Amino acid sequence: MSLIDDFLARWHEYRRPGYYEEFDYHWTMTVDLDRCTGCEACVTACQAENNTPIVGEDAIARGRHMQWMRIERYWEGEYPDVKLRAIPMFCQHCDAAPCETVCPVSATYHNQDGLNAQIYNRCIGTRSCAVYCPYEVRYFNYNNHHWDEPLDQQLNPDVSVREKGVMEKCTFCIQRIRQAKDAAKDDGRRRVQDGEVQPACVQTCPTEALVFGDRKDPDSAVSQMLGNERAYTVLEELNTDPSVVYLKKVDADAA
C-alpha cells in the first residue's frame, strides 16, 4: 500500500459514521472566554504538572519554545475603539487530526478515551505532525534538559521526563485521567463520575473559565456547555472536529 493510500484509509476510518461512539470516553474541554483574564495561571500549572522545562531566553529567541499551552493575545476593533483579547491555546485533541495521518511511525494516535495521544518512545522526530497541525500546538524537544538541585525534587513522578528528538504536546493530563479510572475500578464503578478528573490547567484557573469532562455523559457540566449559543471551535472550516470548545466573550457595551 502506498503512503497516499494509507493516508486516505486512515482518514476515512476517522471520518466514518459512528466512529466516535466507539470511544470509552470522549474527554472534552470548554473555555469560557468571558471568564478568562489571561493571567497565565494555567500555563504555569501545566508546566509544573508535566515536567516541561524552562528552555531559556536564547532558545526562545531561536523559536524553540517548550510550553504545552499558551495564552494568545490580539487586538480587536479599530483605533481608538480597540479591545485586548486573550485566548488559551493548547492541543485541540481533534477527532479527525491531521497529525495522526502523517506520522510515519504512528507515534501519535487516537486512544479509547477520545484523546490525541503521543508515544514518546516511538517518535523519531520527523516533525511531520507539527507541520500539519493547523493550531501550532506541537513542540519539538531540541535538548536534554537538566534540573539542578533542589529543583529536581519538584518533578512529577507520574510523568516522564522526555529526551531530545521527540515531539511534545498537551495530553489533557492523561496521568490524572488514568488515576481517576483506576480509582473508579477499585470502587467497583464502571465509569468515572463527572468532576473527578481535572487537568492541572482546569484545577488552577482562578475564574473557572476551563471546564473538563466526558461529553458522552449527557449530564456532565461540559456536555451542558456544548449547547451554549456562544460555543464555537477554532478553525472550524478545516473539519478537524476539535475536542476543545470555546465560548465567545460577551461585550457589555455591545449593541
C-alpha atoms as a PDB file:
ATOM      1  CA  MET A   1       0.000   0.000   0.000  1.00  0.00           C
ATOM      2  CA  SER A   2       1.384   3.412  -0.944  1.00  0.00           C
ATOM      3  CA  LEU A   3       1.706   6.247   1.553  1.00  0.00           C
ATOM      4  CA  ILE A   4      -1.163   8.079  -0.131  1.00  0.00           C
ATOM      5  CA  ASP A   5      -3.430   5.020   0.065  1.00  0.00           C
ATOM      6  CA  ASP A   6      -2.506   4.568   3.721  1.00  0.00           C
ATOM      7  CA  PHE A   7      -3.266   8.233   4.424  1.00  0.00           C
ATOM      8  CA  LEU A   8      -6.686   8.015   2.763  1.00  0.00           C
ATOM      9  CA  ALA A   9      -7.532   4.761   4.536  1.00  0.00           C
ATOM     10  CA  ARG A  10      -6.788   6.283   7.927  1.00  0.00           C
ATOM     11  CA  TRP A  11      -8.681   9.451   7.103  1.00  0.00           C
ATOM     12  CA  HIS A  12     -11.832   7.567   6.079  1.00  0.00           C
ATOM     13  CA  GLU A  13     -11.519   5.448   9.226  1.00  0.00           C
ATOM     14  CA  TYR A  14     -11.607   8.600  11.345  1.00  0.00           C
ATOM     15  CA  ARG A  15     -14.483  10.089   9.387  1.00  0.00           C
ATOM     16  CA  ARG A  16     -16.786   7.082   9.164  1.00  0.00           C
ATOM     17  CA  PRO A  17     -20.220   7.443  10.860  1.00  0.00           C
ATOM     18  CA  GLY A  18     -20.340   6.167  14.407  1.00  0.00           C
ATOM     19  CA  TYR A  19     -16.567   6.193  14.904  1.00  0.00           C
ATOM     20  CA  TYR A  20     -16.739   8.463  17.951  1.00  0.00           C
ATOM     21  CA  GLU A  21     -19.366   6.311  19.651  1.00  0.00           C
ATOM     22  CA  GLU A  22     -16.791   3.524  19.938  1.00  0.00           C
ATOM     23  CA  PHE A  23     -14.737   5.531  22.432  1.00  0.00           C
ATOM     24  CA  ASP A  24     -14.939   4.527  26.103  1.00  0.00           C
ATOM     25  CA  TYR A  25     -14.970   8.236  26.925  1.00  0.00           C
ATOM     26  CA  HIS A  26     -14.834  11.409  24.903  1.00  0.00           C
ATOM     27  CA  TRP A  27     -12.953  13.865  27.080  1.00  0.00           C
ATOM     28  CA  THR A  28     -13.677  17.453  26.126  1.00  0.00           C
ATOM     29  CA  MET A  29     -12.751  20.884  27.431  1.00  0.00           C
ATOM     30  CA  THR A  30     -14.678  24.123  27.199  1.00  0.00           C
ATOM     31  CA  VAL A  31     -13.049  27.530  27.572  1.00  0.00           C
ATOM     32  CA  ASP A  32     -15.280  30.441  28.562  1.00  0.00           C
ATOM     33  CA  LEU A  33     -13.513  33.480  27.121  1.00  0.00           C
ATOM     34  CA  ASP A  34     -15.870  35.734  29.044  1.00  0.00           C
ATOM     35  CA  ARG A  35     -14.252  34.463  32.250  1.00  0.00           C
ATOM     36  CA  CYS A  36     -10.643  34.193  31.048  1.00  0.00           C
ATOM     37  CA  THR A  37      -8.445  37.084  32.217  1.00  0.00           C
ATOM     38  CA  GLY A  38      -5.245  35.935  30.510  1.00  0.00           C
ATOM     39  CA  CYS A  39      -3.441  35.571  33.839  1.00  0.00           C
ATOM     40  CA  GLU A  40      -1.451  32.507  32.639  1.00  0.00           C
ATOM     41  CA  ALA A  41      -2.000  30.553  35.869  1.00  0.00           C
ATOM     42  CA  CYS A  42      -2.994  27.631  33.648  1.00  0.00           C
ATOM     43  CA  VAL A  43       0.288  27.869  31.718  1.00  0.00           C
ATOM     44  CA  THR A  44       2.327  27.752  34.924  1.00  0.00           C
ATOM     45  CA  ALA A  45       0.319  24.823  36.283  1.00  0.00           C
ATOM     46  CA  CYS A  46       0.736  22.886  33.026  1.00  0.00           C
ATOM     47  CA  GLN A  47       4.488  23.475  33.070  1.00  0.00           C
ATOM     48  CA  ALA A  48       4.826  22.214  36.641  1.00  0.00           C
ATOM     49  CA  GLU A  49       2.488  19.221  36.274  1.00  0.00           C
ATOM     50  CA  ASN A  50       4.031  17.829  33.110  1.00  0.00           C
ATOM     51  CA  ASN A  51       7.762  18.350  33.787  1.00  0.00           C
ATOM     52  CA  THR A  52       8.036  20.862  30.985  1.00  0.00           C
ATOM     53  CA  PRO A  53      11.474  22.507  31.092  1.00  0.00           C
ATOM     54  CA  ILE A  54      12.317  26.198  31.048  1.00  0.00           C
ATOM     55  CA  VAL A  55      14.334  26.459  27.849  1.00  0.00           C
ATOM     56  CA  GLY A  56      15.769  29.910  28.486  1.00  0.00           C
ATOM     57  CA  GLU A  57      15.964  33.216  26.670  1.00  0.00           C
ATOM     58  CA  ASP A  58      18.397  32.081  23.956  1.00  0.00           C
ATOM     59  CA  ALA A  59      16.262  29.112  22.899  1.00  0.00           C
ATOM     60  CA  ILE A  60      13.106  31.213  22.799  1.00  0.00           C
ATOM     61  CA  ALA A  61      14.895  33.797  20.641  1.00  0.00           C
ATOM     62  CA  ARG A  62      15.589  30.958  18.177  1.00  0.00           C
ATOM     63  CA  GLY A  63      11.931  29.916  18.150  1.00  0.00           C
ATOM     64  CA  ARG A  64      12.452  26.816  20.289  1.00  0.00           C
ATOM     65  CA  HIS A  65       9.568  27.296  22.694  1.00  0.00           C
ATOM     66  CA  MET A  66       8.618  24.485  25.054  1.00  0.00           C
ATOM     67  CA  GLN A  67       5.199  25.188  26.555  1.00  0.00           C
ATOM     68  CA  TRP A  68       2.307  22.809  26.099  1.00  0.00           C
ATOM     69  CA  MET A  69      -0.169  25.670  26.236  1.00  0.00           C
ATOM     70  CA  ARG A  70      -0.007  29.389  25.656  1.00  0.00           C
ATOM     71  CA  ILE A  71      -2.186  32.473  26.014  1.00  0.00           C
ATOM     72  CA  GLU A  72      -2.611  34.187  22.670  1.00  0.00           C
ATOM     73  CA  ARG A  73      -3.309  37.910  22.805  1.00  0.00           C
ATOM     74  CA  TYR A  74      -4.622  40.038  19.969  1.00  0.00           C
ATOM     75  CA  TRP A  75      -6.353  43.318  19.359  1.00  0.00           C
ATOM     76  CA  GLU A  76      -9.908  43.509  18.090  1.00  0.00           C
ATOM     77  CA  GLY A  77     -11.519  46.559  16.533  1.00  0.00           C
ATOM     78  CA  GLU A  78     -10.176  49.793  15.109  1.00  0.00           C
ATOM     79  CA  TYR A  79      -8.395  52.553  16.971  1.00  0.00           C
ATOM     80  CA  PRO A  80      -9.454  54.143  19.268  1.00  0.00           C
ATOM     81  CA  ASP A  81     -12.166  51.540  19.886  1.00  0.00           C
ATOM     82  CA  VAL A  82      -9.824  48.594  20.292  1.00  0.00           C
ATOM     83  CA  LYS A  83     -10.022  45.802  22.838  1.00  0.00           C
ATOM     84  CA  LEU A  84      -7.390  43.346  24.009  1.00  0.00           C
ATOM     85  CA  ARG A  85      -8.472  39.706  23.707  1.00  0.00           C
ATOM     86  CA  ALA A  86      -6.905  36.619  25.282  1.00  0.00           C
ATOM     87  CA  ILE A  87      -7.474  33.014  24.269  1.00  0.00           C
ATOM     88  CA  PRO A  88      -5.831  29.909  25.792  1.00  0.00           C
ATOM     89  CA  MET A  89      -4.441  27.647  23.090  1.00  0.00           C
ATOM     90  CA  PHE A  90      -3.333  24.038  23.510  1.00  0.00           C
ATOM     91  CA  CYS A  91      -3.703  20.726  21.683  1.00  0.00           C
ATOM     92  CA  GLN A  92      -7.273  20.584  20.420  1.00  0.00           C
ATOM     93  CA  HIS A  93      -7.364  16.750  20.526  1.00  0.00           C
ATOM     94  CA  CYS A  94      -9.043  16.674  17.140  1.00  0.00           C
ATOM     95  CA  ASP A  95     -11.211  13.662  16.325  1.00  0.00           C
ATOM     96  CA  ALA A  96     -10.012  13.953  12.712  1.00  0.00           C
ATOM     97  CA  ALA A  97      -6.473  15.045  13.498  1.00  0.00           C
ATOM     98  CA  PRO A  98      -4.160  15.766  10.544  1.00  0.00           C
ATOM     99  CA  CYS A  99      -1.128  14.984  12.719  1.00  0.00           C
ATOM    100  CA  GLU A 100      -2.208  11.360  13.170  1.00  0.00           C
ATOM    101  CA  THR A 101      -2.449  10.554   9.485  1.00  0.00           C
ATOM    102  CA  VAL A 102       1.004  11.870   8.570  1.00  0.00           C
ATOM    103  CA  CYS A 103       3.108  10.322  11.334  1.00  0.00           C
ATOM    104  CA  PRO A 104       5.276   7.650   9.629  1.00  0.00           C
ATOM    105  CA  VAL A 105       5.594   5.558  12.809  1.00  0.00           C
ATOM    106  CA  SER A 106       2.114   6.142  14.313  1.00  0.00           C
ATOM    107  CA  ALA A 107       3.636   7.815  17.364  1.00  0.00           C
ATOM    108  CA  THR A 108       0.524   9.964  17.602  1.00  0.00           C
ATOM    109  CA  TYR A 109      -2.826   8.185  17.550  1.00  0.00           C
ATOM    110  CA  HIS A 110      -6.383   8.303  18.896  1.00  0.00           C
ATOM    111  CA  ASN A 111      -6.947   6.241  22.034  1.00  0.00           C
ATOM    112  CA  GLN A 112     -10.150   4.838  23.519  1.00  0.00           C
ATOM    113  CA  ASP A 113     -10.622   7.961  25.628  1.00  0.00           C
ATOM    114  CA  GLY A 114     -11.032  10.058  22.506  1.00  0.00           C
ATOM    115  CA  LEU A 115      -7.650  11.697  23.121  1.00  0.00           C
ATOM    116  CA  ASN A 116      -4.928  12.511  20.656  1.00  0.00           C
ATOM    117  CA  ALA A 117      -2.155  10.567  22.404  1.00  0.00           C
ATOM    118  CA  GLN A 118       1.617  10.701  21.922  1.00  0.00           C
ATOM    119  CA  ILE A 119       4.018   7.752  22.324  1.00  0.00           C
ATOM    120  CA  TYR A 120       7.412   9.283  23.061  1.00  0.00           C
ATOM    121  CA  ASN A 121       9.361   6.020  22.707  1.00  0.00           C
ATOM    122  CA  ARG A 122       8.016   5.568  19.190  1.00  0.00           C
ATOM    123  CA  CYS A 123       8.545   9.147  17.980  1.00  0.00           C
ATOM    124  CA  ILE A 124      11.554   9.606  15.687  1.00  0.00           C
ATOM    125  CA  GLY A 125      11.310  13.391  15.477  1.00  0.00           C
ATOM    126  CA  THR A 126      10.333  13.900  11.835  1.00  0.00           C
ATOM    127  CA  ARG A 127       8.156  16.847  12.938  1.00  0.00           C
ATOM    128  CA  SER A 128       5.580  15.962  10.277  1.00  0.00           C
ATOM    129  CA  CYS A 129       2.837  16.304  12.883  1.00  0.00           C
ATOM    130  CA  ALA A 130       3.934  19.842  13.710  1.00  0.00           C
ATOM    131  CA  VAL A 131       3.889  20.793  10.038  1.00  0.00           C
ATOM    132  CA  TYR A 132       0.339  19.512   9.567  1.00  0.00           C
ATOM    133  CA  CYS A 133      -1.060  20.861  12.857  1.00  0.00           C
ATOM    134  CA  PRO A 134      -3.084  23.978  11.946  1.00  0.00           C
ATOM    135  CA  TYR A 135      -3.113  25.168  15.571  1.00  0.00           C
ATOM    136  CA  GLU A 136       0.695  25.239  16.027  1.00  0.00           C
ATOM    137  CA  VAL A 137       0.492  23.380  19.349  1.00  0.00           C
ATOM    138  CA  ARG A 138       3.089  20.648  18.895  1.00  0.00           C
ATOM    139  CA  TYR A 139       6.640  21.279  20.067  1.00  0.00           C
ATOM    140  CA  PHE A 140       9.952  19.636  19.229  1.00  0.00           C
ATOM    141  CA  ASN A 141      12.327  18.896  22.090  1.00  0.00           C
ATOM    142  CA  TYR A 142      15.732  20.160  20.939  1.00  0.00           C
ATOM    143  CA  ASN A 143      17.712  19.350  24.089  1.00  0.00           C
ATOM    144  CA  ASN A 144      18.100  17.045  27.062  1.00  0.00           C
ATOM    145  CA  HIS A 145      17.155  19.277  29.971  1.00  0.00           C
ATOM    146  CA  HIS A 146      18.615  19.146  33.453  1.00  0.00           C
ATOM    147  CA  TRP A 147      17.134  20.360  36.712  1.00  0.00           C
ATOM    148  CA  ASP A 148      19.694  21.436  39.314  1.00  0.00           C
ATOM    149  CA  GLU A 149      19.167  20.533  42.940  1.00  0.00           C
ATOM    150  CA  PRO A 150      16.830  21.121  44.673  1.00  0.00           C
ATOM    151  CA  LEU A 151      14.652  21.889  41.626  1.00  0.00           C
ATOM    152  CA  ASP A 152      14.789  18.229  40.600  1.00  0.00           C
ATOM    153  CA  GLN A 153      12.592  17.475  43.615  1.00  0.00           C
ATOM    154  CA  GLN A 154       9.684  19.301  42.001  1.00  0.00           C
ATOM    155  CA  LEU A 155       9.382  16.857  39.093  1.00  0.00           C
ATOM    156  CA  ASN A 156       6.116  14.954  38.865  1.00  0.00           C
ATOM    157  CA  PRO A 157       6.862  11.211  39.287  1.00  0.00           C
ATOM    158  CA  ASP A 158       3.721  10.317  37.307  1.00  0.00           C
ATOM    159  CA  VAL A 159       5.036  11.991  34.143  1.00  0.00           C
ATOM    160  CA  SER A 160       8.117  11.002  32.170  1.00  0.00           C
ATOM    161  CA  VAL A 161      10.986  13.417  31.557  1.00  0.00           C
ATOM    162  CA  ARG A 162      11.324  13.496  27.788  1.00  0.00           C
ATOM    163  CA  GLU A 163      14.620  13.389  25.927  1.00  0.00           C
ATOM    164  CA  LYS A 164      15.630  15.420  22.896  1.00  0.00           C
ATOM    165  CA  GLY A 165      14.375  14.418  19.482  1.00  0.00           C
ATOM    166  CA  VAL A 166      10.689  13.861  20.280  1.00  0.00           C
ATOM    167  CA  MET A 167       7.524  15.856  19.768  1.00  0.00           C
ATOM    168  CA  GLU A 168       5.562  17.032  22.799  1.00  0.00           C
ATOM    169  CA  LYS A 169       2.104  18.477  23.335  1.00  0.00           C
ATOM    170  CA  CYS A 170      -0.810  18.783  25.761  1.00  0.00           C
ATOM    171  CA  THR A 171      -2.230  15.425  26.879  1.00  0.00           C
ATOM    172  CA  PHE A 172      -5.205  16.704  28.917  1.00  0.00           C
ATOM    173  CA  CYS A 173      -3.087  15.440  31.865  1.00  0.00           C
ATOM    174  CA  ILE A 174      -3.680  11.819  30.887  1.00  0.00           C
ATOM    175  CA  GLN A 175      -1.957  10.647  34.082  1.00  0.00           C
ATOM    176  CA  ARG A 176      -4.812  12.158  36.091  1.00  0.00           C
ATOM    177  CA  ILE A 177      -7.384  10.519  33.827  1.00  0.00           C
ATOM    178  CA  ARG A 178      -5.761   7.121  34.403  1.00  0.00           C
ATOM    179  CA  GLN A 179      -5.701   7.663  38.166  1.00  0.00           C
ATOM    180  CA  ALA A 180      -9.414   8.515  38.159  1.00  0.00           C
ATOM    181  CA  LYS A 181     -10.234   5.437  36.060  1.00  0.00           C
ATOM    182  CA  ASP A 182      -8.216   3.209  38.391  1.00  0.00           C
ATOM    183  CA  ALA A 183      -9.978   4.687  41.421  1.00  0.00           C
ATOM    184  CA  ALA A 184     -13.380   4.087  39.825  1.00  0.00           C
ATOM    185  CA  LYS A 185     -12.408   0.478  39.085  1.00  0.00           C
ATOM    186  CA  ASP A 186     -11.265  -0.052  42.687  1.00  0.00           C
ATOM    187  CA  ASP A 187     -14.608   1.304  43.902  1.00  0.00           C
ATOM    188  CA  GLY A 188     -16.482  -1.094  41.635  1.00  0.00           C
ATOM    189  CA  ARG A 189     -17.782   1.684  39.420  1.00  0.00           C
ATOM    190  CA  ARG A 190     -17.998   1.259  35.663  1.00  0.00           C
ATOM    191  CA  ARG A 191     -17.273   4.875  34.778  1.00  0.00           C
ATOM    192  CA  VAL A 192     -15.578   7.956  36.139  1.00  0.00           C
ATOM    193  CA  GLN A 193     -18.027  10.439  37.606  1.00  0.00           C
ATOM    194  CA  ASP A 194     -18.257  13.997  36.364  1.00  0.00           C
ATOM    195  CA  GLY A 195     -15.780  16.288  38.091  1.00  0.00           C
ATOM    196  CA  GLU A 196     -13.432  13.540  39.253  1.00  0.00           C
ATOM    197  CA  VAL A 197     -10.843  14.441  36.604  1.00  0.00           C
ATOM    198  CA  GLN A 198      -9.342  17.900  36.486  1.00  0.00           C
ATOM    199  CA  PRO A 199      -6.271  18.648  34.374  1.00  0.00           C
ATOM    200  CA  ALA A 200      -3.761  20.971  36.009  1.00  0.00           C
ATOM    201  CA  CYS A 201      -4.923  23.978  33.988  1.00  0.00           C
ATOM    202  CA  VAL A 202      -8.561  23.449  34.980  1.00  0.00           C
ATOM    203  CA  GLN A 203      -7.689  22.950  38.643  1.00  0.00           C
ATOM    204  CA  THR A 204      -5.641  26.155  38.749  1.00  0.00           C
ATOM    205  CA  CYS A 205      -7.835  28.589  36.781  1.00  0.00           C
ATOM    206  CA  PRO A 206      -8.911  31.251  39.315  1.00  0.00           C
ATOM    207  CA  THR A 207     -12.025  32.247  37.347  1.00  0.00           C
ATOM    208  CA  GLU A 208     -13.135  28.699  36.491  1.00  0.00           C
ATOM    209  CA  ALA A 209     -13.013  29.558  32.796  1.00  0.00           C
ATOM    210  CA  LEU A 210     -11.985  25.986  31.945  1.00  0.00           C
ATOM    211  CA  VAL A 211     -14.383  23.054  32.303  1.00  0.00           C
ATOM    212  CA  PHE A 212     -13.344  19.459  31.604  1.00  0.00           C
ATOM    213  CA  GLY A 213     -15.412  16.322  31.342  1.00  0.00           C
ATOM    214  CA  ASP A 214     -16.842  13.475  29.292  1.00  0.00           C
ATOM    215  CA  ARG A 215     -19.160  14.634  26.534  1.00  0.00           C
ATOM    216  CA  LYS A 216     -20.613  11.116  26.293  1.00  0.00           C
ATOM    217  CA  ASP A 217     -22.217  11.802  29.671  1.00  0.00           C
ATOM    218  CA  PRO A 218     -25.232  13.997  28.810  1.00  0.00           C
ATOM    219  CA  ASP A 219     -25.463  15.210  32.410  1.00  0.00           C
ATOM    220  CA  SER A 220     -21.841  16.346  32.662  1.00  0.00           C
ATOM    221  CA  ALA A 221     -21.052  20.034  33.016  1.00  0.00           C
ATOM    222  CA  VAL A 222     -19.091  20.073  29.770  1.00  0.00           C
ATOM    223  CA  SER A 223     -21.978  18.482  27.832  1.00  0.00           C
ATOM    224  CA  GLN A 224     -24.336  21.158  29.096  1.00  0.00           C
ATOM    225  CA  MET A 225     -21.973  23.896  27.941  1.00  0.00           C
ATOM    226  CA  LEU A 226     -21.618  22.456  24.439  1.00  0.00           C
ATOM    227  CA  GLY A 227     -25.173  23.538  23.708  1.00  0.00           C
ATOM    228  CA  ASN A 228     -24.470  27.153  24.637  1.00  0.00           C
ATOM    229  CA  GLU A 229     -25.206  29.634  21.864  1.00  0.00           C
ATOM    230  CA  ARG A 230     -21.744  31.144  22.386  1.00  0.00           C
ATOM    231  CA  ALA A 231     -19.937  27.842  21.671  1.00  0.00           C
ATOM    232  CA  TYR A 232     -17.594  27.547  18.701  1.00  0.00           C
ATOM    233  CA  THR A 233     -14.413  25.740  17.669  1.00  0.00           C
ATOM    234  CA  VAL A 234     -11.243  27.329  16.299  1.00  0.00           C
ATOM    235  CA  LEU A 235     -10.705  26.937  12.531  1.00  0.00           C
ATOM    236  CA  GLU A 236     -13.980  25.061  12.247  1.00  0.00           C
ATOM    237  CA  GLU A 237     -13.786  25.217   8.455  1.00  0.00           C
ATOM    238  CA  LEU A 238     -10.923  22.689   8.489  1.00  0.00           C
ATOM    239  CA  ASN A 239     -13.250  19.923   9.762  1.00  0.00           C
ATOM    240  CA  THR A 240     -10.735  18.610  12.295  1.00  0.00           C
ATOM    241  CA  ASP A 241     -13.507  18.152  14.911  1.00  0.00           C
ATOM    242  CA  PRO A 242     -11.616  19.573  17.927  1.00  0.00           C
ATOM    243  CA  SER A 243     -12.390  18.396  21.453  1.00  0.00           C
ATOM    244  CA  VAL A 244     -11.809  21.918  22.751  1.00  0.00           C
ATOM    245  CA  VAL A 245     -14.822  24.230  22.501  1.00  0.00           C
ATOM    246  CA  TYR A 246     -14.614  27.957  23.167  1.00  0.00           C
ATOM    247  CA  LEU A 247     -17.411  30.195  24.413  1.00  0.00           C
ATOM    248  CA  LYS A 248     -17.362  33.657  22.857  1.00  0.00           C
ATOM    249  CA  LYS A 249     -16.655  36.672  25.002  1.00  0.00           C
ATOM    250  CA  VAL A 250     -19.653  38.862  25.789  1.00  0.00           C
ATOM    251  CA  ASP A 251     -19.168  42.612  25.444  1.00  0.00           C
ATOM    252  CA  ALA A 252     -21.238  44.512  27.975  1.00  0.00           C
ATOM    253  CA  ASP A 253     -21.287  47.600  25.760  1.00  0.00           C
ATOM    254  CA  ALA A 254     -22.282  45.696  22.607  1.00  0.00           C
ATOM    255  CA  ALA A 255     -25.408  46.978  20.898  1.00  0.00           C
END
